[in-house]
Amino acid sequence: MKLKQILTISTVVAGLSLSGNWNVDKANAKVNFSVKGLFGTVHGSFTGLEAIIKFDEKDLPGSSISASVDAKTVSTGISLRNSDLRNEEKWLNTDKYPRINFRSKKIERTANGYSVAGDLTIKNITKPAEIPFTFTNKGTTGLFTGQFTVKRADYNLGNPGGSVGNIITINLIVPVSK
């Protein structure tokens, strides 16, 4: 085989193996949350999403998502609340539990897009999570959007009962590029 043929084959194989890999636009990725309580709805966010996304609409069994966010970036717009969320053991205690992680196990097509099932870890507590999402493919760029809920009691967040609702809604807007 000639060197030119070997290089051509190597380039094609490398391109195929990377065809489903997406890089997160960290500056524009949004991980927002809301939780209803007795005194209204609290809205907040995390920044600095890091992820390894291997997603190919034609190869869902070969696709996977591994993502994490720095828990210290939690922000609700109120500094005292942010301090409590970051520092108190009953909340995130970000010195002890610095990252919130998700690792997929299976991605499937649904009537409205896709669903990824995997493990969500908060405060070293890992529970199954399912995240319905959509993906808009624009060739070398794309956009993942999703929304899911978690029960804060499942992750020992806050006190049982009280003025904070038990259901946390998480919204994801993740622009990506190849």
N, C-alpha and C. Protein backbone atom coordinates (compact mmCIF):
# COMPACT_ATOMS: atom_id res chain seq x y z
N MET A 1 0.85 -1.17 0.00
CA MET A 1 0.00 0.00 0.00
C MET A 1 0.89 1.24 0.00
N LYS A 2 0.52 2.21 -0.75
CA LYS A 2 1.30 3.44 -0.85
C LYS A 2 1.04 4.34 0.33
N LEU A 3 2.02 5.16 0.65
CA LEU A 3 1.92 6.08 1.77
C LEU A 3 0.70 6.99 1.65
N LYS A 4 0.41 7.46 0.44
CA LYS A 4 -0.74 8.34 0.22
C LYS A 4 -2.04 7.63 0.58
N GLN A 5 -2.18 6.34 0.20
CA GLN A 5 -3.39 5.57 0.52
C GLN A 5 -3.51 5.38 2.04
N ILE A 6 -2.40 5.09 2.69
CA ILE A 6 -2.42 4.88 4.14
C ILE A 6 -2.86 6.17 4.84
N LEU A 7 -2.30 7.30 4.42
CA LEU A 7 -2.68 8.58 5.02
C LEU A 7 -4.15 8.91 4.77
N THR A 8 -4.65 8.63 3.58
CA THR A 8 -6.05 8.88 3.26
C THR A 8 -6.96 8.02 4.12
N ILE A 9 -6.64 6.74 4.24
CA ILE A 9 -7.44 5.83 5.08
C ILE A 9 -7.40 6.28 6.53
N SER A 10 -6.22 6.66 7.02
CA SER A 10 -6.08 7.12 8.41
C SER A 10 -6.91 8.37 8.67
N THR A 11 -6.91 9.28 7.72
CA THR A 11 -7.69 10.52 7.86
C THR A 11 -9.18 10.22 7.90
N VAL A 12 -9.65 9.34 7.03
CA VAL A 12 -11.07 8.96 7.00
C VAL A 12 -11.47 8.29 8.30
N VAL A 13 -10.67 7.35 8.79
CA VAL A 13 -10.97 6.64 10.04
C VAL A 13 -10.99 7.62 11.21
N ALA A 14 -10.02 8.52 11.28
CA ALA A 14 -9.99 9.51 12.36
C ALA A 14 -11.22 10.40 12.29
N GLY A 15 -11.62 10.81 11.12
CA GLY A 15 -12.81 11.64 10.96
C GLY A 15 -14.06 10.92 11.39
N LEU A 16 -14.17 9.64 11.08
CA LEU A 16 -15.33 8.86 11.49
C LEU A 16 -15.39 8.70 13.00
N SER A 17 -14.25 8.45 13.62
CA SER A 17 -14.26 8.23 15.06
C SER A 17 -14.58 9.51 15.83
N LEU A 18 -14.33 10.68 15.22
CA LEU A 18 -14.63 11.94 15.89
C LEU A 18 -15.95 12.55 15.44
N SER A 19 -16.66 11.89 14.53
CA SER A 19 -17.85 12.49 13.95
C SER A 19 -18.94 12.80 14.96
N GLY A 20 -19.02 12.07 16.04
CA GLY A 20 -20.05 12.31 17.04
C GLY A 20 -19.58 13.09 18.24
N ASN A 21 -18.33 13.56 18.25
CA ASN A 21 -17.81 14.28 19.41
C ASN A 21 -18.14 15.76 19.32
N TRP A 22 -18.67 16.31 20.42
CA TRP A 22 -19.08 17.70 20.48
C TRP A 22 -18.37 18.38 21.64
N ASN A 23 -17.95 19.63 21.42
CA ASN A 23 -17.31 20.44 22.46
C ASN A 23 -18.31 21.48 22.96
N VAL A 24 -18.42 21.58 24.28
CA VAL A 24 -19.36 22.52 24.89
C VAL A 24 -18.81 23.95 24.80
N ASP A 25 -19.67 24.86 24.44
CA ASP A 25 -19.36 26.28 24.49
C ASP A 25 -19.62 26.73 25.93
N LYS A 26 -18.60 26.59 26.78
CA LYS A 26 -18.74 26.83 28.22
C LYS A 26 -19.26 28.23 28.54
N ALA A 27 -18.83 29.22 27.77
CA ALA A 27 -19.22 30.60 28.04
C ALA A 27 -20.72 30.82 27.86
N ASN A 28 -21.34 30.04 26.98
CA ASN A 28 -22.76 30.24 26.69
C ASN A 28 -23.67 29.11 27.16
N ALA A 29 -23.10 28.06 27.74
CA ALA A 29 -23.90 26.96 28.28
C ALA A 29 -24.63 27.44 29.53
N LYS A 30 -25.87 27.00 29.67
CA LYS A 30 -26.67 27.42 30.82
C LYS A 30 -27.21 26.19 31.56
N VAL A 31 -26.95 26.17 32.87
CA VAL A 31 -27.54 25.18 33.77
C VAL A 31 -28.31 25.99 34.80
N ASN A 32 -29.62 26.08 34.59
CA ASN A 32 -30.49 26.88 35.46
C ASN A 32 -31.37 25.96 36.28
N PHE A 33 -31.78 26.44 37.45
CA PHE A 33 -32.69 25.65 38.28
C PHE A 33 -33.72 26.56 38.91
N SER A 34 -34.82 25.95 39.30
CA SER A 34 -35.85 26.66 40.05
C SER A 34 -36.48 25.70 41.04
N VAL A 35 -36.90 26.25 42.17
CA VAL A 35 -37.59 25.46 43.18
C VAL A 35 -38.65 26.35 43.82
N LYS A 36 -39.86 25.83 43.88
CA LYS A 36 -40.97 26.59 44.48
C LYS A 36 -40.92 26.41 45.99
N GLY A 37 -41.36 27.43 46.67
CA GLY A 37 -41.43 27.40 48.12
C GLY A 37 -42.60 28.21 48.62
N LEU A 38 -42.71 28.33 49.93
CA LEU A 38 -43.81 29.08 50.53
C LEU A 38 -43.77 30.56 50.17
N PHE A 39 -42.58 31.08 49.89
CA PHE A 39 -42.43 32.51 49.64
C PHE A 39 -42.13 32.81 48.18
N GLY A 40 -42.52 31.90 47.29
CA GLY A 40 -42.30 32.12 45.86
C GLY A 40 -41.30 31.12 45.29
N THR A 41 -40.91 31.36 44.07
CA THR A 41 -39.98 30.46 43.37
C THR A 41 -38.58 31.06 43.39
N VAL A 42 -37.62 30.23 43.79
CA VAL A 42 -36.22 30.63 43.77
C VAL A 42 -35.62 30.16 42.45
N HIS A 43 -34.95 31.07 41.75
CA HIS A 43 -34.28 30.76 40.50
C HIS A 43 -32.78 30.86 40.73
N GLY A 44 -32.03 29.99 40.07
CA GLY A 44 -30.58 30.05 40.20
C GLY A 44 -29.90 29.39 39.02
N SER A 45 -28.57 29.38 39.08
CA SER A 45 -27.80 28.81 37.99
C SER A 45 -26.45 28.31 38.47
N PHE A 46 -25.83 27.50 37.63
CA PHE A 46 -24.45 27.07 37.77
C PHE A 46 -23.74 27.45 36.48
N THR A 47 -22.45 27.71 36.56
CA THR A 47 -21.67 28.01 35.36
C THR A 47 -20.51 27.03 35.24
N GLY A 48 -19.81 27.12 34.11
CA GLY A 48 -18.62 26.30 33.91
C GLY A 48 -18.90 24.84 33.62
N LEU A 49 -19.96 24.57 32.89
CA LEU A 49 -20.29 23.19 32.54
C LEU A 49 -19.13 22.56 31.78
N GLU A 50 -18.70 21.39 32.22
CA GLU A 50 -17.70 20.60 31.51
C GLU A 50 -18.36 19.31 31.09
N ALA A 51 -18.10 18.89 29.86
CA ALA A 51 -18.76 17.67 29.38
C ALA A 51 -17.95 17.01 28.28
N ILE A 52 -18.08 15.71 28.24
CA ILE A 52 -17.59 14.91 27.12
C ILE A 52 -18.85 14.37 26.46
N ILE A 53 -19.13 14.88 25.28
CA ILE A 53 -20.37 14.51 24.59
C ILE A 53 -20.01 13.79 23.31
N LYS A 54 -20.37 12.53 23.27
CA LYS A 54 -20.24 11.75 22.04
C LYS A 54 -21.68 11.44 21.63
N PHE A 55 -22.16 12.18 20.66
CA PHE A 55 -23.56 12.05 20.28
C PHE A 55 -23.66 12.01 18.77
N ASP A 56 -24.24 10.91 18.28
CA ASP A 56 -24.47 10.73 16.85
C ASP A 56 -25.90 10.24 16.70
N GLU A 57 -26.72 11.05 16.06
CA GLU A 57 -28.14 10.72 15.90
C GLU A 57 -28.35 9.38 15.20
N LYS A 58 -27.37 8.94 14.42
CA LYS A 58 -27.47 7.66 13.70
C LYS A 58 -26.85 6.51 14.47
N ASP A 59 -26.23 6.80 15.62
CA ASP A 59 -25.60 5.76 16.44
C ASP A 59 -25.85 6.02 17.91
N LEU A 60 -27.10 5.95 18.33
CA LEU A 60 -27.44 6.22 19.73
C LEU A 60 -26.81 5.21 20.69
N PRO A 61 -26.73 3.90 20.34
CA PRO A 61 -26.06 2.98 21.26
C PRO A 61 -24.58 3.33 21.47
N GLY A 62 -23.96 3.96 20.50
CA GLY A 62 -22.56 4.36 20.62
C GLY A 62 -22.39 5.76 21.18
N SER A 63 -23.48 6.41 21.53
CA SER A 63 -23.43 7.78 22.05
C SER A 63 -23.35 7.76 23.57
N SER A 64 -22.76 8.81 24.13
CA SER A 64 -22.66 8.93 25.59
C SER A 64 -22.45 10.39 25.98
N ILE A 65 -22.82 10.68 27.22
CA ILE A 65 -22.65 12.02 27.77
C ILE A 65 -22.12 11.88 29.20
N SER A 66 -21.06 12.59 29.46
CA SER A 66 -20.52 12.69 30.81
C SER A 66 -20.34 14.17 31.09
N ALA A 67 -20.97 14.68 32.15
CA ALA A 67 -20.95 16.12 32.39
C ALA A 67 -20.80 16.40 33.88
N SER A 68 -20.22 17.56 34.16
CA SER A 68 -20.13 18.00 35.55
C SER A 68 -20.11 19.51 35.62
N VAL A 69 -20.45 20.01 36.79
CA VAL A 69 -20.45 21.44 37.02
C VAL A 69 -19.84 21.68 38.40
N ASP A 70 -19.13 22.79 38.53
CA ASP A 70 -18.53 23.18 39.80
C ASP A 70 -19.64 23.69 40.71
N ALA A 71 -19.89 22.99 41.81
CA ALA A 71 -20.99 23.36 42.72
C ALA A 71 -20.79 24.76 43.32
N LYS A 72 -19.54 25.22 43.43
CA LYS A 72 -19.27 26.55 44.00
C LYS A 72 -19.79 27.68 43.14
N THR A 73 -20.15 27.39 41.89
CA THR A 73 -20.65 28.45 41.01
C THR A 73 -22.14 28.70 41.19
N VAL A 74 -22.78 28.02 42.12
CA VAL A 74 -24.22 28.21 42.34
C VAL A 74 -24.49 29.69 42.63
N SER A 75 -25.50 30.21 41.95
CA SER A 75 -25.85 31.62 42.13
C SER A 75 -27.37 31.78 42.04
N THR A 76 -27.91 32.47 43.05
CA THR A 76 -29.34 32.76 43.06
C THR A 76 -29.61 34.26 43.00
N GLY A 77 -28.55 35.06 42.94
CA GLY A 77 -28.71 36.50 42.93
C GLY A 77 -28.77 37.11 44.32
N ILE A 78 -28.73 36.28 45.36
CA ILE A 78 -28.76 36.77 46.74
C ILE A 78 -27.54 36.19 47.45
N SER A 79 -26.61 37.06 47.83
CA SER A 79 -25.32 36.60 48.35
C SER A 79 -25.44 35.76 49.63
N LEU A 80 -26.33 36.12 50.55
CA LEU A 80 -26.48 35.34 51.78
C LEU A 80 -26.99 33.93 51.46
N ARG A 81 -27.96 33.83 50.55
CA ARG A 81 -28.47 32.52 50.14
C ARG A 81 -27.37 31.71 49.45
N ASN A 82 -26.61 32.36 48.57
CA ASN A 82 -25.51 31.67 47.88
C ASN A 82 -24.50 31.13 48.89
N SER A 83 -24.17 31.93 49.89
CA SER A 83 -23.23 31.50 50.93
C SER A 83 -23.75 30.27 51.67
N ASP A 84 -25.03 30.29 52.04
CA ASP A 84 -25.64 29.13 52.71
C ASP A 84 -25.60 27.90 51.82
N LEU A 85 -25.97 28.06 50.54
CA LEU A 85 -25.97 26.92 49.62
C LEU A 85 -24.57 26.33 49.48
N ARG A 86 -23.56 27.18 49.42
CA ARG A 86 -22.17 26.71 49.23
C ARG A 86 -21.57 26.12 50.50
N ASN A 87 -21.91 26.67 51.66
CA ASN A 87 -21.18 26.34 52.88
C ASN A 87 -21.88 25.39 53.84
N GLU A 88 -23.18 25.38 53.86
CA GLU A 88 -23.87 24.57 54.86
C GLU A 88 -23.98 23.11 54.43
N GLU A 89 -23.74 22.21 55.38
CA GLU A 89 -23.81 20.77 55.10
C GLU A 89 -25.19 20.37 54.61
N LYS A 90 -26.23 21.01 55.14
CA LYS A 90 -27.58 20.63 54.72
C LYS A 90 -27.87 21.01 53.27
N TRP A 91 -27.05 21.90 52.70
CA TRP A 91 -27.22 22.25 51.30
C TRP A 91 -26.11 21.59 50.49
N LEU A 92 -25.30 22.34 49.79
CA LEU A 92 -24.32 21.72 48.89
C LEU A 92 -22.95 21.46 49.52
N ASN A 93 -22.58 22.20 50.56
CA ASN A 93 -21.26 22.08 51.19
C ASN A 93 -20.19 21.85 50.12
N THR A 94 -19.94 22.87 49.33
CA THR A 94 -19.11 22.74 48.14
C THR A 94 -17.64 22.45 48.42
N ASP A 95 -17.16 22.74 49.63
CA ASP A 95 -15.78 22.35 49.96
C ASP A 95 -15.67 20.83 50.07
N LYS A 96 -16.69 20.23 50.63
CA LYS A 96 -16.70 18.77 50.81
C LYS A 96 -17.16 18.03 49.54
N TYR A 97 -18.10 18.64 48.80
CA TYR A 97 -18.68 18.03 47.60
C TYR A 97 -18.55 19.04 46.44
N PRO A 98 -17.39 19.15 45.83
CA PRO A 98 -17.13 20.23 44.89
C PRO A 98 -17.82 20.12 43.52
N ARG A 99 -18.24 18.92 43.11
CA ARG A 99 -18.78 18.78 41.76
C ARG A 99 -20.13 18.07 41.79
N ILE A 100 -20.96 18.44 40.84
CA ILE A 100 -22.21 17.73 40.55
C ILE A 100 -21.97 17.04 39.22
N ASN A 101 -22.20 15.72 39.17
CA ASN A 101 -21.84 14.93 38.00
C ASN A 101 -23.02 14.16 37.42
N PHE A 102 -22.96 13.97 36.11
CA PHE A 102 -23.92 13.11 35.42
C PHE A 102 -23.14 12.23 34.44
N ARG A 103 -23.49 10.95 34.41
CA ARG A 103 -22.87 10.01 33.48
C ARG A 103 -23.98 9.17 32.86
N SER A 104 -24.05 9.20 31.54
CA SER A 104 -25.12 8.48 30.84
C SER A 104 -24.88 6.97 30.83
N LYS A 105 -25.98 6.25 30.72
CA LYS A 105 -25.95 4.80 30.53
C LYS A 105 -26.60 4.41 29.21
N LYS A 106 -27.57 5.24 28.77
CA LYS A 106 -28.33 4.88 27.56
C LYS A 106 -28.99 6.14 27.00
N ILE A 107 -28.93 6.26 25.68
CA ILE A 107 -29.62 7.37 25.00
C ILE A 107 -30.58 6.77 23.99
N GLU A 108 -31.82 7.24 24.02
CA GLU A 108 -32.86 6.72 23.13
C GLU A 108 -33.58 7.86 22.43
N ARG A 109 -34.13 7.55 21.27
CA ARG A 109 -34.99 8.50 20.55
C ARG A 109 -36.38 8.42 21.17
N THR A 110 -37.05 9.58 21.28
CA THR A 110 -38.42 9.64 21.80
C THR A 110 -39.28 10.38 20.78
N ALA A 111 -40.56 10.48 21.06
CA ALA A 111 -41.47 11.19 20.17
C ALA A 111 -41.12 12.67 20.06
N ASN A 112 -40.54 13.23 21.14
CA ASN A 112 -40.22 14.66 21.16
C ASN A 112 -38.74 14.96 21.03
N GLY A 113 -37.93 13.98 20.76
CA GLY A 113 -36.49 14.20 20.65
C GLY A 113 -35.73 12.99 21.12
N TYR A 114 -35.09 13.13 22.30
CA TYR A 114 -34.26 12.06 22.85
C TYR A 114 -34.44 12.01 24.36
N SER A 115 -33.93 10.94 24.94
CA SER A 115 -33.89 10.81 26.39
C SER A 115 -32.59 10.13 26.76
N VAL A 116 -31.91 10.69 27.75
CA VAL A 116 -30.68 10.07 28.25
C VAL A 116 -30.94 9.60 29.67
N ALA A 117 -30.66 8.34 29.92
CA ALA A 117 -30.78 7.77 31.26
C ALA A 117 -29.37 7.58 31.79
N GLY A 118 -29.18 7.92 33.06
CA GLY A 118 -27.85 7.78 33.64
C GLY A 118 -27.88 7.99 35.12
N ASP A 119 -26.72 8.32 35.67
CA ASP A 119 -26.57 8.53 37.11
C ASP A 119 -26.22 9.98 37.39
N LEU A 120 -26.98 10.60 38.29
CA LEU A 120 -26.72 11.95 38.75
C LEU A 120 -26.17 11.87 40.16
N THR A 121 -25.02 12.53 40.38
CA THR A 121 -24.39 12.51 41.70
C THR A 121 -24.32 13.92 42.25
N ILE A 122 -24.94 14.09 43.42
CA ILE A 122 -24.90 15.35 44.17
C ILE A 122 -24.54 14.98 45.60
N LYS A 123 -23.55 15.63 46.19
CA LYS A 123 -23.11 15.35 47.56
C LYS A 123 -22.75 13.88 47.75
N ASN A 124 -22.08 13.30 46.79
CA ASN A 124 -21.68 11.88 46.80
C ASN A 124 -22.85 10.91 46.90
N ILE A 125 -24.04 11.36 46.59
CA ILE A 125 -25.22 10.50 46.52
C ILE A 125 -25.57 10.36 45.05
N THR A 126 -25.59 9.12 44.58
CA THR A 126 -25.86 8.85 43.17
C THR A 126 -27.22 8.20 43.03
N LYS A 127 -28.03 8.80 42.17
CA LYS A 127 -29.39 8.30 41.90
C LYS A 127 -29.59 8.25 40.39
N PRO A 128 -30.45 7.34 39.92
CA PRO A 128 -30.78 7.33 38.49
C PRO A 128 -31.50 8.62 38.10
N ALA A 129 -31.19 9.10 36.91
CA ALA A 129 -31.87 10.30 36.39
C ALA A 129 -32.14 10.09 34.91
N GLU A 130 -33.25 10.63 34.48
CA GLU A 130 -33.61 10.59 33.06
C GLU A 130 -33.83 12.02 32.60
N ILE A 131 -33.14 12.38 31.51
CA ILE A 131 -33.21 13.74 31.02
C ILE A 131 -33.74 13.73 29.59
N PRO A 132 -34.97 14.18 29.37
CA PRO A 132 -35.45 14.34 28.00
C PRO A 132 -34.75 15.56 27.39
N PHE A 133 -34.37 15.46 26.13
CA PHE A 133 -33.69 16.58 25.50
C PHE A 133 -33.95 16.62 24.01
N THR A 134 -33.66 17.77 23.44
CA THR A 134 -33.70 17.92 21.99
C THR A 134 -32.29 18.28 21.53
N PHE A 135 -32.02 18.00 20.27
CA PHE A 135 -30.74 18.36 19.68
C PHE A 135 -30.99 18.96 18.32
N THR A 136 -30.48 20.17 18.11
CA THR A 136 -30.56 20.83 16.82
C THR A 136 -29.16 20.78 16.21
N ASN A 137 -29.04 20.05 15.11
CA ASN A 137 -27.75 19.86 14.45
C ASN A 137 -27.64 20.85 13.30
N LYS A 138 -26.58 21.66 13.35
CA LYS A 138 -26.33 22.63 12.28
C LYS A 138 -24.98 22.36 11.62
N GLY A 139 -24.65 21.07 11.47
CA GLY A 139 -23.39 20.69 10.83
C GLY A 139 -22.25 20.66 11.82
N THR A 140 -21.48 21.74 11.91
CA THR A 140 -20.35 21.77 12.85
C THR A 140 -20.71 22.42 14.17
N THR A 141 -21.95 22.88 14.31
CA THR A 141 -22.44 23.40 15.59
C THR A 141 -23.78 22.74 15.89
N GLY A 142 -24.21 22.87 17.12
CA GLY A 142 -25.48 22.30 17.51
C GLY A 142 -25.93 22.86 18.84
N LEU A 143 -27.13 22.47 19.24
CA LEU A 143 -27.69 22.93 20.49
C LEU A 143 -28.46 21.80 21.16
N PHE A 144 -28.06 21.48 22.38
CA PHE A 144 -28.79 20.55 23.22
C PHE A 144 -29.62 21.36 24.19
N THR A 145 -30.92 21.02 24.34
CA THR A 145 -31.77 21.63 25.36
C THR A 145 -32.51 20.53 26.09
N GLY A 146 -32.67 20.69 27.39
CA GLY A 146 -33.37 19.68 28.16
C GLY A 146 -33.90 20.24 29.46
N GLN A 147 -34.82 19.50 30.03
CA GLN A 147 -35.38 19.87 31.33
C GLN A 147 -35.72 18.59 32.07
N PHE A 148 -35.39 18.58 33.36
CA PHE A 148 -35.74 17.44 34.20
C PHE A 148 -35.90 17.91 35.64
N THR A 149 -36.40 17.03 36.49
CA THR A 149 -36.60 17.38 37.89
C THR A 149 -35.86 16.37 38.78
N VAL A 150 -35.50 16.85 39.95
CA VAL A 150 -34.95 15.98 40.99
C VAL A 150 -35.66 16.31 42.29
N LYS A 151 -35.73 15.32 43.15
CA LYS A 151 -36.28 15.54 44.50
C LYS A 151 -35.11 15.90 45.40
N ARG A 152 -35.18 17.07 46.02
CA ARG A 152 -34.05 17.51 46.84
C ARG A 152 -33.80 16.56 48.01
N ALA A 153 -34.85 15.93 48.52
CA ALA A 153 -34.69 15.00 49.64
C ALA A 153 -33.85 13.78 49.23
N ASP A 154 -33.89 13.40 47.95
CA ASP A 154 -33.09 12.27 47.47
C ASP A 154 -31.60 12.51 47.62
N TYR A 155 -31.20 13.79 47.66
CA TYR A 155 -29.79 14.15 47.74
C TYR A 155 -29.44 14.85 49.06
N ASN A 156 -30.33 14.72 50.05
CA ASN A 156 -30.12 15.36 51.36
C ASN A 156 -29.84 16.85 51.23
N LEU A 157 -30.64 17.52 50.43
CA LEU A 157 -30.51 18.97 50.25
C LEU A 157 -31.57 19.67 51.09
N GLY A 158 -31.14 20.43 52.08
CA GLY A 158 -32.05 21.16 52.94
C GLY A 158 -32.67 20.28 54.00
N ASN A 159 -33.62 20.85 54.71
CA ASN A 159 -34.34 20.12 55.74
C ASN A 159 -35.60 19.52 55.16
N PRO A 160 -36.03 18.37 55.68
CA PRO A 160 -37.32 17.83 55.23
C PRO A 160 -38.45 18.81 55.53
N GLY A 161 -39.37 18.93 54.60
CA GLY A 161 -40.47 19.88 54.80
C GLY A 161 -39.96 21.29 54.72
N GLY A 162 -40.46 22.15 55.57
CA GLY A 162 -39.99 23.53 55.62
C GLY A 162 -40.54 24.38 54.50
N SER A 163 -39.87 25.50 54.25
CA SER A 163 -40.39 26.49 53.31
C SER A 163 -39.89 26.28 51.88
N VAL A 164 -39.03 25.29 51.66
CA VAL A 164 -38.49 25.03 50.33
C VAL A 164 -39.17 23.80 49.75
N GLY A 165 -39.67 23.91 48.53
CA GLY A 165 -40.32 22.78 47.87
C GLY A 165 -39.35 21.62 47.66
N ASN A 166 -39.88 20.44 47.45
CA ASN A 166 -39.05 19.24 47.31
C ASN A 166 -38.61 19.00 45.86
N ILE A 167 -39.26 19.61 44.90
CA ILE A 167 -38.94 19.36 43.50
C ILE A 167 -38.10 20.50 42.94
N ILE A 168 -36.92 20.16 42.42
CA ILE A 168 -36.04 21.13 41.78
C ILE A 168 -36.12 20.87 40.28
N THR A 169 -36.44 21.90 39.52
CA THR A 169 -36.50 21.80 38.07
C THR A 169 -35.19 22.33 37.50
N ILE A 170 -34.56 21.55 36.63
CA ILE A 170 -33.28 21.94 36.04
C ILE A 170 -33.47 22.09 34.54
N ASN A 171 -33.04 23.23 34.02
CA ASN A 171 -33.11 23.52 32.57
C ASN A 171 -31.69 23.60 32.03
N LEU A 172 -31.48 22.96 30.89
CA LEU A 172 -30.16 22.92 30.25
C LEU A 172 -30.25 23.53 28.87
N ILE A 173 -29.33 24.42 28.56
CA ILE A 173 -29.16 24.97 27.22
C ILE A 173 -27.67 24.87 26.94
N VAL A 174 -27.30 23.96 26.04
CA VAL A 174 -25.89 23.65 25.83
C VAL A 174 -25.51 23.77 24.36
N PRO A 175 -24.93 24.92 23.97
CA PRO A 175 -24.43 25.04 22.61
C PRO A 175 -23.12 24.25 22.47
N VAL A 176 -22.95 23.62 21.31
CA VAL A 176 -21.77 22.78 21.08
C VAL A 176 -21.20 23.04 19.68
N SER A 177 -19.97 22.61 19.52
CA SER A 177 -19.34 22.68 18.20
C SER A 177 -18.41 21.48 18.04
N LYS A 178 -18.04 21.22 16.79
CA LYS A 178 -17.11 20.10 16.52
C LYS A 178 -15.71 20.65 16.42
